[in-house]
Amino acid sequence: MRWRSRTTFSVRENGVSARLLLTRGAAISSARVYVIYGQGGALTSSGMTQLAARLSEIRGLTVSSHDWFNGPNFIVNSIRQLPTDEPVILIGYSLGANATTWISNALPNREIALAIAYDPSIHSEVLPADGNVRRMLLYHNNSLSLWGHARIPGPQVETIEINEGHLSVDSDQQLHARTLEAVLDVINEKKT
């Protein structure tokens, strides 16, 4: 069976508002997405809550949200229970972005199809993206904010430089668009 994923949302750039439409045609596939909140959980990570809701609308994705502190152990155990051919996607903001590296390093024999780090924190450990991570997007913040700013080393890390307040990074619609496109690429890749 074929389906068409169609995700539409507004993007505002340089004061100009535009509608962005992502359309991908693909055979139905599945992937597991773990969204990891920053310090303060859903209360301070409302953009991650919005992103998780958008991801949940894409057929074939199973999406769950977790806090950065207790979530990694749960996520590692959950991933160990998945079929080995089911793609795993990790998306985290702030300390949740740091947690994406902890999780992927705790599972060295399990491929992580995609990891996305929204402005990881310099105030906590960041591990390198190991060889089990196929692709990692790092939204690295260069603002004067006190939080964020960490870099994640690894040859598969694609660093996207941004400059905005740390507390608004997780709500950035352009970053959400880039994230959604990368997730759709994982789904399409599985069936090709």
N, C-alpha and C. Protein backbone atom coordinates (compact mmCIF):
# COMPACT_ATOMS: atom_id res chain seq x y z
N MET A 1 0.84 -1.17 0.00
CA MET A 1 0.00 0.00 0.00
C MET A 1 0.89 1.24 0.00
N ARG A 2 0.51 2.28 -0.76
CA ARG A 2 1.26 3.52 -0.81
C ARG A 2 0.46 4.59 -0.06
N TRP A 3 1.16 5.53 0.50
CA TRP A 3 0.49 6.62 1.18
C TRP A 3 1.27 7.89 0.92
N ARG A 4 0.67 8.98 1.20
CA ARG A 4 1.31 10.26 1.03
C ARG A 4 1.28 11.01 2.35
N SER A 5 2.46 11.31 2.87
CA SER A 5 2.55 12.09 4.09
C SER A 5 2.53 13.55 3.71
N ARG A 6 1.67 14.30 4.34
CA ARG A 6 1.53 15.71 3.99
C ARG A 6 1.49 16.51 5.28
N THR A 7 2.53 17.26 5.52
CA THR A 7 2.63 18.05 6.73
C THR A 7 2.75 19.52 6.33
N THR A 8 1.86 20.36 6.83
CA THR A 8 1.87 21.77 6.50
C THR A 8 1.96 22.59 7.78
N PHE A 9 2.80 23.61 7.77
CA PHE A 9 2.86 24.52 8.89
C PHE A 9 3.50 25.82 8.46
N SER A 10 3.36 26.84 9.27
CA SER A 10 3.89 28.15 8.94
C SER A 10 5.32 28.30 9.40
N VAL A 11 6.10 29.02 8.60
CA VAL A 11 7.47 29.34 8.94
C VAL A 11 7.62 30.85 8.79
N ARG A 12 8.29 31.47 9.73
CA ARG A 12 8.51 32.91 9.67
C ARG A 12 10.00 33.15 9.60
N GLU A 13 10.44 33.81 8.52
CA GLU A 13 11.86 34.10 8.34
C GLU A 13 12.01 35.54 7.90
N ASN A 14 12.87 36.27 8.56
CA ASN A 14 13.12 37.67 8.24
C ASN A 14 11.83 38.47 8.14
N GLY A 15 10.90 38.21 9.04
CA GLY A 15 9.65 38.94 9.08
C GLY A 15 8.64 38.53 8.03
N VAL A 16 8.97 37.55 7.21
CA VAL A 16 8.07 37.09 6.15
C VAL A 16 7.50 35.74 6.56
N SER A 17 6.20 35.63 6.51
CA SER A 17 5.55 34.38 6.86
C SER A 17 5.30 33.58 5.60
N ALA A 18 5.56 32.30 5.64
CA ALA A 18 5.33 31.43 4.50
C ALA A 18 4.77 30.11 4.99
N ARG A 19 4.02 29.43 4.15
CA ARG A 19 3.53 28.09 4.48
C ARG A 19 4.51 27.10 3.88
N LEU A 20 4.90 26.15 4.67
CA LEU A 20 5.81 25.11 4.22
C LEU A 20 5.02 23.82 4.12
N LEU A 21 5.13 23.16 3.01
CA LEU A 21 4.44 21.90 2.79
C LEU A 21 5.48 20.84 2.51
N LEU A 22 5.51 19.83 3.37
CA LEU A 22 6.37 18.68 3.14
C LEU A 22 5.50 17.55 2.65
N THR A 23 5.77 17.06 1.49
CA THR A 23 5.02 15.94 0.96
C THR A 23 6.00 14.87 0.54
N ARG A 24 5.79 13.70 1.00
CA ARG A 24 6.64 12.57 0.65
C ARG A 24 5.73 11.40 0.31
N GLY A 25 5.96 10.77 -0.81
CA GLY A 25 5.23 9.56 -1.14
C GLY A 25 6.09 8.37 -0.78
N ALA A 26 5.54 7.43 -0.08
CA ALA A 26 6.32 6.26 0.32
C ALA A 26 5.40 5.13 0.71
N ALA A 27 5.93 3.93 0.63
CA ALA A 27 5.18 2.80 1.16
C ALA A 27 5.11 2.97 2.67
N ILE A 28 4.04 2.47 3.26
CA ILE A 28 3.91 2.60 4.71
C ILE A 28 5.07 1.88 5.39
N SER A 29 5.69 2.57 6.29
CA SER A 29 6.82 2.05 7.03
C SER A 29 6.63 2.46 8.49
N SER A 30 7.47 1.94 9.35
CA SER A 30 7.35 2.32 10.75
C SER A 30 8.70 2.77 11.27
N ALA A 31 8.63 3.60 12.28
CA ALA A 31 9.83 4.05 12.99
C ALA A 31 9.40 4.45 14.39
N ARG A 32 10.33 4.39 15.30
CA ARG A 32 10.06 4.75 16.69
C ARG A 32 10.78 6.05 16.99
N VAL A 33 10.03 7.06 17.45
CA VAL A 33 10.59 8.37 17.74
C VAL A 33 10.47 8.64 19.24
N TYR A 34 11.59 9.01 19.84
CA TYR A 34 11.63 9.39 21.24
C TYR A 34 11.98 10.88 21.32
N VAL A 35 11.09 11.68 21.87
CA VAL A 35 11.31 13.11 22.04
C VAL A 35 11.65 13.33 23.52
N ILE A 36 12.75 14.06 23.76
CA ILE A 36 13.26 14.20 25.13
C ILE A 36 13.29 15.68 25.50
N TYR A 37 12.53 16.02 26.54
CA TYR A 37 12.43 17.40 27.01
C TYR A 37 13.71 17.85 27.70
N GLY A 38 13.86 19.17 27.78
CA GLY A 38 14.95 19.76 28.54
C GLY A 38 14.59 19.90 30.01
N GLN A 39 15.46 20.61 30.75
CA GLN A 39 15.22 20.88 32.17
C GLN A 39 13.84 21.53 32.32
N GLY A 40 13.07 21.05 33.26
CA GLY A 40 11.73 21.59 33.49
C GLY A 40 10.65 20.84 32.75
N GLY A 41 11.03 19.83 31.95
CA GLY A 41 10.06 18.98 31.27
C GLY A 41 9.21 19.71 30.26
N ALA A 42 7.98 19.25 30.10
CA ALA A 42 7.06 19.81 29.10
C ALA A 42 6.78 21.28 29.35
N LEU A 43 6.84 21.72 30.59
CA LEU A 43 6.55 23.11 30.93
C LEU A 43 7.51 24.07 30.24
N THR A 44 8.79 23.72 30.18
CA THR A 44 9.78 24.60 29.56
C THR A 44 10.21 24.12 28.17
N SER A 45 9.57 23.09 27.68
CA SER A 45 9.90 22.54 26.36
C SER A 45 8.65 22.46 25.49
N SER A 46 7.85 23.51 25.49
CA SER A 46 6.57 23.47 24.76
C SER A 46 6.76 23.24 23.27
N GLY A 47 7.88 23.69 22.73
CA GLY A 47 8.15 23.44 21.31
C GLY A 47 8.34 21.96 21.01
N MET A 48 8.91 21.24 21.95
CA MET A 48 9.07 19.79 21.77
C MET A 48 7.72 19.09 21.83
N THR A 49 6.83 19.60 22.68
CA THR A 49 5.47 19.06 22.75
C THR A 49 4.77 19.26 21.41
N GLN A 50 4.91 20.45 20.83
CA GLN A 50 4.32 20.74 19.52
C GLN A 50 4.92 19.85 18.44
N LEU A 51 6.24 19.70 18.46
CA LEU A 51 6.90 18.85 17.47
C LEU A 51 6.45 17.40 17.59
N ALA A 52 6.35 16.90 18.82
CA ALA A 52 5.88 15.53 19.03
C ALA A 52 4.47 15.35 18.48
N ALA A 53 3.61 16.35 18.66
CA ALA A 53 2.25 16.27 18.12
C ALA A 53 2.27 16.22 16.60
N ARG A 54 3.11 17.01 15.98
CA ARG A 54 3.22 16.98 14.50
C ARG A 54 3.73 15.62 14.03
N LEU A 55 4.74 15.12 14.71
CA LEU A 55 5.29 13.82 14.34
C LEU A 55 4.25 12.72 14.48
N SER A 56 3.40 12.82 15.50
CA SER A 56 2.36 11.81 15.73
C SER A 56 1.35 11.75 14.61
N GLU A 57 1.24 12.80 13.82
CA GLU A 57 0.31 12.83 12.69
C GLU A 57 0.85 12.08 11.48
N ILE A 58 2.11 11.72 11.49
CA ILE A 58 2.71 11.02 10.35
C ILE A 58 2.49 9.53 10.52
N ARG A 59 1.81 8.97 9.56
CA ARG A 59 1.49 7.54 9.59
C ARG A 59 2.78 6.72 9.65
N GLY A 60 2.76 5.74 10.53
CA GLY A 60 3.90 4.83 10.65
C GLY A 60 4.84 5.17 11.79
N LEU A 61 4.70 6.37 12.35
CA LEU A 61 5.57 6.74 13.47
C LEU A 61 4.89 6.44 14.80
N THR A 62 5.65 5.90 15.71
CA THR A 62 5.22 5.77 17.10
C THR A 62 6.06 6.77 17.87
N VAL A 63 5.41 7.75 18.48
CA VAL A 63 6.11 8.86 19.11
C VAL A 63 5.80 8.87 20.61
N SER A 64 6.83 9.05 21.42
CA SER A 64 6.64 9.22 22.85
C SER A 64 7.55 10.34 23.33
N SER A 65 7.15 10.99 24.43
CA SER A 65 7.92 12.10 25.00
C SER A 65 8.38 11.72 26.41
N HIS A 66 9.58 12.21 26.76
CA HIS A 66 10.21 11.81 28.02
C HIS A 66 10.98 12.97 28.62
N ASP A 67 11.17 12.94 29.94
CA ASP A 67 12.01 13.94 30.58
C ASP A 67 13.48 13.52 30.39
N TRP A 68 14.37 14.47 30.53
CA TRP A 68 15.79 14.21 30.28
C TRP A 68 16.46 13.42 31.40
N PHE A 69 15.89 13.46 32.59
CA PHE A 69 16.56 12.85 33.74
C PHE A 69 16.27 11.36 33.87
N ASN A 70 14.99 10.99 33.88
CA ASN A 70 14.60 9.58 34.01
C ASN A 70 14.39 8.90 32.66
N GLY A 71 14.12 9.70 31.64
CA GLY A 71 13.80 9.16 30.33
C GLY A 71 14.86 8.28 29.69
N PRO A 72 16.15 8.64 29.77
CA PRO A 72 17.15 7.82 29.07
C PRO A 72 17.14 6.34 29.44
N ASN A 73 17.02 5.99 30.71
CA ASN A 73 16.98 4.58 31.09
C ASN A 73 15.76 3.88 30.51
N PHE A 74 14.61 4.53 30.59
CA PHE A 74 13.39 3.96 30.00
C PHE A 74 13.57 3.77 28.50
N ILE A 75 14.12 4.78 27.82
CA ILE A 75 14.27 4.73 26.37
C ILE A 75 15.24 3.62 25.97
N VAL A 76 16.36 3.49 26.67
CA VAL A 76 17.31 2.42 26.36
C VAL A 76 16.63 1.06 26.47
N ASN A 77 15.88 0.84 27.54
CA ASN A 77 15.18 -0.43 27.71
C ASN A 77 14.12 -0.64 26.65
N SER A 78 13.43 0.43 26.28
CA SER A 78 12.42 0.34 25.23
C SER A 78 13.04 -0.04 23.88
N ILE A 79 14.14 0.60 23.54
CA ILE A 79 14.82 0.33 22.26
C ILE A 79 15.30 -1.12 22.22
N ARG A 80 15.76 -1.64 23.32
CA ARG A 80 16.22 -3.04 23.36
C ARG A 80 15.10 -4.01 23.04
N GLN A 81 13.84 -3.62 23.25
CA GLN A 81 12.69 -4.48 22.99
C GLN A 81 12.19 -4.38 21.54
N LEU A 82 12.66 -3.40 20.79
CA LEU A 82 12.18 -3.19 19.42
C LEU A 82 12.79 -4.20 18.45
N PRO A 83 12.08 -4.49 17.37
CA PRO A 83 12.71 -5.29 16.30
C PRO A 83 13.94 -4.55 15.78
N THR A 84 14.97 -5.29 15.45
CA THR A 84 16.23 -4.65 15.05
C THR A 84 16.12 -3.89 13.74
N ASP A 85 15.10 -4.21 12.92
CA ASP A 85 14.96 -3.48 11.66
C ASP A 85 14.05 -2.25 11.77
N GLU A 86 13.54 -1.97 12.97
CA GLU A 86 12.71 -0.77 13.14
C GLU A 86 13.61 0.43 13.41
N PRO A 87 13.56 1.45 12.53
CA PRO A 87 14.41 2.62 12.73
C PRO A 87 14.09 3.33 14.05
N VAL A 88 15.15 3.80 14.69
CA VAL A 88 15.03 4.55 15.94
C VAL A 88 15.48 5.98 15.68
N ILE A 89 14.67 6.93 16.17
CA ILE A 89 14.95 8.35 16.02
C ILE A 89 14.91 8.98 17.40
N LEU A 90 15.96 9.70 17.75
CA LEU A 90 16.05 10.40 19.03
C LEU A 90 16.06 11.90 18.76
N ILE A 91 15.19 12.64 19.46
CA ILE A 91 15.13 14.10 19.31
C ILE A 91 15.12 14.70 20.70
N GLY A 92 16.08 15.58 20.99
CA GLY A 92 16.13 16.17 22.31
C GLY A 92 16.45 17.65 22.27
N TYR A 93 15.98 18.33 23.30
CA TYR A 93 16.21 19.77 23.46
C TYR A 93 16.95 20.03 24.77
N SER A 94 17.98 20.86 24.72
CA SER A 94 18.74 21.27 25.89
C SER A 94 19.34 20.03 26.57
N LEU A 95 19.03 19.77 27.82
CA LEU A 95 19.56 18.57 28.46
C LEU A 95 19.02 17.30 27.79
N GLY A 96 17.85 17.39 27.17
CA GLY A 96 17.33 16.27 26.38
C GLY A 96 18.19 16.00 25.16
N ALA A 97 18.82 17.05 24.62
CA ALA A 97 19.75 16.87 23.51
C ALA A 97 20.99 16.14 23.98
N ASN A 98 21.48 16.49 25.17
CA ASN A 98 22.59 15.74 25.76
C ASN A 98 22.22 14.27 25.90
N ALA A 99 20.99 14.04 26.35
CA ALA A 99 20.52 12.66 26.57
C ALA A 99 20.53 11.83 25.30
N THR A 100 20.36 12.45 24.15
CA THR A 100 20.42 11.66 22.90
C THR A 100 21.79 11.00 22.76
N THR A 101 22.84 11.68 23.23
CA THR A 101 24.18 11.09 23.13
C THR A 101 24.37 9.99 24.17
N TRP A 102 23.78 10.17 25.34
CA TRP A 102 23.90 9.13 26.38
C TRP A 102 23.19 7.85 25.93
N ILE A 103 22.02 8.01 25.35
CA ILE A 103 21.22 6.85 24.90
C ILE A 103 21.94 6.11 23.79
N SER A 104 22.39 6.85 22.78
CA SER A 104 23.05 6.19 21.65
C SER A 104 24.33 5.49 22.08
N ASN A 105 25.07 6.06 23.02
CA ASN A 105 26.29 5.42 23.52
C ASN A 105 26.00 4.21 24.40
N ALA A 106 24.82 4.18 25.02
CA ALA A 106 24.44 3.02 25.85
C ALA A 106 24.02 1.83 25.00
N LEU A 107 23.83 2.05 23.70
CA LEU A 107 23.38 0.99 22.78
C LEU A 107 24.35 0.87 21.60
N PRO A 108 25.61 0.52 21.86
CA PRO A 108 26.62 0.54 20.79
C PRO A 108 26.35 -0.43 19.64
N ASN A 109 25.57 -1.47 19.88
CA ASN A 109 25.28 -2.45 18.83
C ASN A 109 23.93 -2.22 18.15
N ARG A 110 23.27 -1.13 18.46
CA ARG A 110 21.95 -0.84 17.89
C ARG A 110 22.05 0.42 17.04
N GLU A 111 21.67 0.32 15.79
CA GLU A 111 21.72 1.49 14.93
C GLU A 111 20.66 2.51 15.35
N ILE A 112 21.09 3.76 15.43
CA ILE A 112 20.19 4.88 15.62
C ILE A 112 20.13 5.57 14.27
N ALA A 113 18.97 5.50 13.62
CA ALA A 113 18.85 6.02 12.26
C ALA A 113 19.05 7.53 12.21
N LEU A 114 18.58 8.22 13.24
CA LEU A 114 18.65 9.68 13.25
C LEU A 114 18.62 10.17 14.69
N ALA A 115 19.50 11.10 15.00
CA ALA A 115 19.47 11.80 16.29
C ALA A 115 19.49 13.29 15.98
N ILE A 116 18.64 14.03 16.68
CA ILE A 116 18.58 15.47 16.47
C ILE A 116 18.71 16.15 17.82
N ALA A 117 19.69 17.05 17.93
CA ALA A 117 20.00 17.73 19.18
C ALA A 117 19.73 19.23 19.03
N TYR A 118 18.69 19.70 19.73
CA TYR A 118 18.36 21.11 19.76
C TYR A 118 19.15 21.78 20.89
N ASP A 119 20.24 22.43 20.58
CA ASP A 119 21.02 23.24 21.52
C ASP A 119 21.36 22.52 22.82
N PRO A 120 22.19 21.47 22.75
CA PRO A 120 22.58 20.75 23.96
C PRO A 120 23.33 21.66 24.94
N SER A 121 23.29 21.29 26.20
CA SER A 121 23.81 22.12 27.28
C SER A 121 25.29 21.86 27.56
N ILE A 122 26.02 22.95 27.75
CA ILE A 122 27.42 22.84 28.17
C ILE A 122 27.52 22.51 29.65
N HIS A 123 26.40 22.53 30.36
CA HIS A 123 26.40 22.30 31.80
C HIS A 123 26.19 20.83 32.17
N SER A 124 26.29 19.95 31.20
CA SER A 124 26.17 18.52 31.45
C SER A 124 26.99 17.77 30.40
N GLU A 125 27.25 16.51 30.68
CA GLU A 125 28.08 15.70 29.79
C GLU A 125 27.45 15.53 28.40
N VAL A 126 28.29 15.69 27.39
CA VAL A 126 27.92 15.40 26.01
C VAL A 126 28.91 14.36 25.50
N LEU A 127 28.38 13.26 25.00
CA LEU A 127 29.23 12.20 24.46
C LEU A 127 29.30 12.32 22.94
N PRO A 128 30.34 11.79 22.33
CA PRO A 128 30.42 11.82 20.87
C PRO A 128 29.31 10.98 20.24
N ALA A 129 28.95 11.34 19.03
CA ALA A 129 28.02 10.51 18.26
C ALA A 129 28.82 9.31 17.78
N ASP A 130 28.54 8.16 18.36
CA ASP A 130 29.27 6.94 18.03
C ASP A 130 28.92 6.45 16.62
N GLY A 131 29.63 5.43 16.19
CA GLY A 131 29.43 4.86 14.86
C GLY A 131 28.06 4.24 14.65
N ASN A 132 27.31 3.99 15.73
CA ASN A 132 25.97 3.40 15.59
C ASN A 132 24.93 4.45 15.22
N VAL A 133 25.30 5.72 15.25
CA VAL A 133 24.38 6.80 14.85
C VAL A 133 24.63 7.08 13.37
N ARG A 134 23.62 6.78 12.55
CA ARG A 134 23.79 6.96 11.11
C ARG A 134 23.86 8.44 10.72
N ARG A 135 22.98 9.25 11.31
CA ARG A 135 22.96 10.68 10.98
C ARG A 135 22.56 11.45 12.23
N MET A 136 23.25 12.57 12.46
CA MET A 136 22.89 13.43 13.59
C MET A 136 22.85 14.87 13.11
N LEU A 137 21.75 15.55 13.47
CA LEU A 137 21.64 16.98 13.24
C LEU A 137 21.85 17.68 14.57
N LEU A 138 22.75 18.64 14.59
CA LEU A 138 23.02 19.44 15.79
C LEU A 138 22.64 20.88 15.49
N TYR A 139 21.63 21.39 16.17
CA TYR A 139 21.27 22.79 16.08
C TYR A 139 22.08 23.52 17.16
N HIS A 140 23.23 24.05 16.75
CA HIS A 140 24.18 24.66 17.68
C HIS A 140 23.92 26.15 17.79
N ASN A 141 23.74 26.61 19.01
CA ASN A 141 23.36 27.99 19.28
C ASN A 141 24.59 28.86 19.57
N ASN A 142 24.67 29.99 18.87
CA ASN A 142 25.77 30.94 19.07
C ASN A 142 25.32 32.21 19.79
N SER A 143 24.15 32.19 20.38
CA SER A 143 23.63 33.39 21.06
C SER A 143 24.40 33.65 22.35
N LEU A 144 24.05 34.73 23.01
CA LEU A 144 24.67 35.07 24.29
C LEU A 144 23.98 34.41 25.47
N SER A 145 23.07 33.52 25.21
CA SER A 145 22.33 32.83 26.26
C SER A 145 23.29 32.09 27.19
N LEU A 146 22.89 31.94 28.44
CA LEU A 146 23.71 31.22 29.42
C LEU A 146 23.65 29.71 29.24
N TRP A 147 22.66 29.22 28.51
CA TRP A 147 22.45 27.78 28.37
C TRP A 147 22.71 27.32 26.95
N GLY A 148 22.80 26.04 26.78
CA GLY A 148 23.03 25.48 25.45
C GLY A 148 24.49 25.52 25.08
N HIS A 149 24.78 25.72 23.80
CA HIS A 149 26.12 25.95 23.23
C HIS A 149 27.01 24.72 23.08
N ALA A 150 26.62 23.55 23.57
CA ALA A 150 27.51 22.39 23.47
C ALA A 150 27.60 21.89 22.03
N ARG A 151 28.73 21.35 21.72
CA ARG A 151 28.95 20.71 20.41
C ARG A 151 29.02 19.20 20.63
N ILE A 152 28.61 18.48 19.62
CA ILE A 152 28.67 17.02 19.66
C ILE A 152 29.64 16.58 18.59
N PRO A 153 30.73 15.92 18.97
CA PRO A 153 31.69 15.47 17.97
C PRO A 153 31.22 14.19 17.26
N GLY A 154 31.67 14.04 16.05
CA GLY A 154 31.39 12.83 15.28
C GLY A 154 31.33 13.15 13.80
N PRO A 155 31.85 12.25 12.95
CA PRO A 155 31.88 12.53 11.51
C PRO A 155 30.49 12.60 10.87
N GLN A 156 29.49 11.99 11.49
CA GLN A 156 28.14 11.99 10.93
C GLN A 156 27.28 13.13 11.47
N VAL A 157 27.89 14.04 12.24
CA VAL A 157 27.16 15.16 12.83
C VAL A 157 27.12 16.30 11.82
N GLU A 158 25.90 16.72 11.49
CA GLU A 158 25.70 17.88 10.62
C GLU A 158 25.33 19.05 11.53
N THR A 159 26.21 20.03 11.64
CA THR A 159 25.98 21.15 12.54
C THR A 159 25.31 22.30 11.80
N ILE A 160 24.19 22.74 12.32
CA ILE A 160 23.45 23.87 11.78
C ILE A 160 23.59 24.98 12.81
N GLU A 161 24.25 26.06 12.42
CA GLU A 161 24.50 27.17 13.34
C GLU A 161 23.25 28.05 13.42
N ILE A 162 22.85 28.37 14.65
CA ILE A 162 21.70 29.24 14.89
C ILE A 162 22.12 30.31 15.89
N ASN A 163 21.30 31.35 15.99
CA ASN A 163 21.59 32.43 16.92
C ASN A 163 20.27 32.97 17.45
N GLU A 164 19.80 32.39 18.54
CA GLU A 164 18.56 32.82 19.17
C GLU A 164 18.58 32.41 20.63
N GLY A 165 17.68 32.98 21.40
CA GLY A 165 17.63 32.65 22.82
C GLY A 165 17.40 31.16 23.03
N HIS A 166 18.12 30.59 23.97
CA HIS A 166 18.03 29.16 24.24
C HIS A 166 16.59 28.71 24.52
N LEU A 167 15.84 29.53 25.24
CA LEU A 167 14.49 29.14 25.63
C LEU A 167 13.50 29.16 24.47
N SER A 168 13.92 29.65 23.30
CA SER A 168 13.03 29.64 22.14
C SER A 168 13.47 28.67 21.05
N VAL A 169 14.63 28.07 21.22
CA VAL A 169 15.16 27.15 20.20
C VAL A 169 14.20 26.00 19.91
N ASP A 170 13.61 25.43 20.94
CA ASP A 170 12.75 24.26 20.74
C ASP A 170 11.45 24.59 20.01
N SER A 171 11.12 25.88 19.90
CA SER A 171 9.89 26.29 19.21
C SER A 171 10.16 26.85 17.82
N ASP A 172 11.39 26.84 17.38
CA ASP A 172 11.77 27.41 16.09
C ASP A 172 11.15 26.59 14.95
N GLN A 173 10.26 27.22 14.19
CA GLN A 173 9.52 26.50 13.14
C GLN A 173 10.42 26.07 11.98
N GLN A 174 11.47 26.82 11.72
CA GLN A 174 12.40 26.40 10.67
C GLN A 174 13.15 25.14 11.08
N LEU A 175 13.52 25.06 12.34
CA LEU A 175 14.18 23.85 12.82
C LEU A 175 13.20 22.67 12.84
N HIS A 176 11.95 22.94 13.19
CA HIS A 176 10.92 21.89 13.13
C HIS A 176 10.78 21.38 11.70
N ALA A 177 10.78 22.28 10.74
CA ALA A 177 10.66 21.87 9.33
C ALA A 177 11.82 20.99 8.92
N ARG A 178 13.02 21.38 9.31
CA ARG A 178 14.21 20.58 8.99
C ARG A 178 14.14 19.22 9.68
N THR A 179 13.66 19.20 10.92
CA THR A 179 13.51 17.96 11.67
C THR A 179 12.51 17.03 10.99
N LEU A 180 11.35 17.57 10.65
CA LEU A 180 10.31 16.77 9.98
C LEU A 180 10.83 16.18 8.67
N GLU A 181 11.55 16.97 7.92
CA GLU A 181 12.10 16.48 6.65
C GLU A 181 13.08 15.33 6.89
N ALA A 182 13.94 15.46 7.90
CA ALA A 182 14.90 14.40 8.20
C ALA A 182 14.20 13.12 8.65
N VAL A 183 13.13 13.26 9.44
CA VAL A 183 12.37 12.10 9.89
C VAL A 183 11.70 11.41 8.70
N LEU A 184 11.11 12.20 7.81
CA LEU A 184 10.49 11.63 6.62
C LEU A 184 11.51 10.92 5.74
N ASP A 185 12.72 11.45 5.68
CA ASP A 185 13.80 10.78 4.93
C ASP A 185 14.08 9.39 5.50
N VAL A 186 14.06 9.25 6.82
CA VAL A 186 14.29 7.94 7.45
C VAL A 186 13.19 6.96 7.03
N ILE A 187 11.94 7.41 7.08
CA ILE A 187 10.82 6.54 6.69
C ILE A 187 10.95 6.12 5.23
N ASN A 188 11.22 7.07 4.37
CA ASN A 188 11.34 6.77 2.94
C ASN A 188 12.53 5.86 2.65
N GLU A 189 13.63 6.07 3.35
CA GLU A 189 14.83 5.26 3.15
C GLU A 189 14.61 3.80 3.49
N LYS A 190 13.79 3.55 4.52
CA LYS A 190 13.57 2.17 4.97
C LYS A 190 12.93 1.33 3.88
N LYS A 191 12.04 1.93 3.09
CA LYS A 191 11.30 1.16 2.09
C LYS A 191 11.93 1.17 0.71
N THR A 192 13.01 1.93 0.52
CA THR A 192 13.62 1.96 -0.81
C THR A 192 14.68 0.91 -0.97
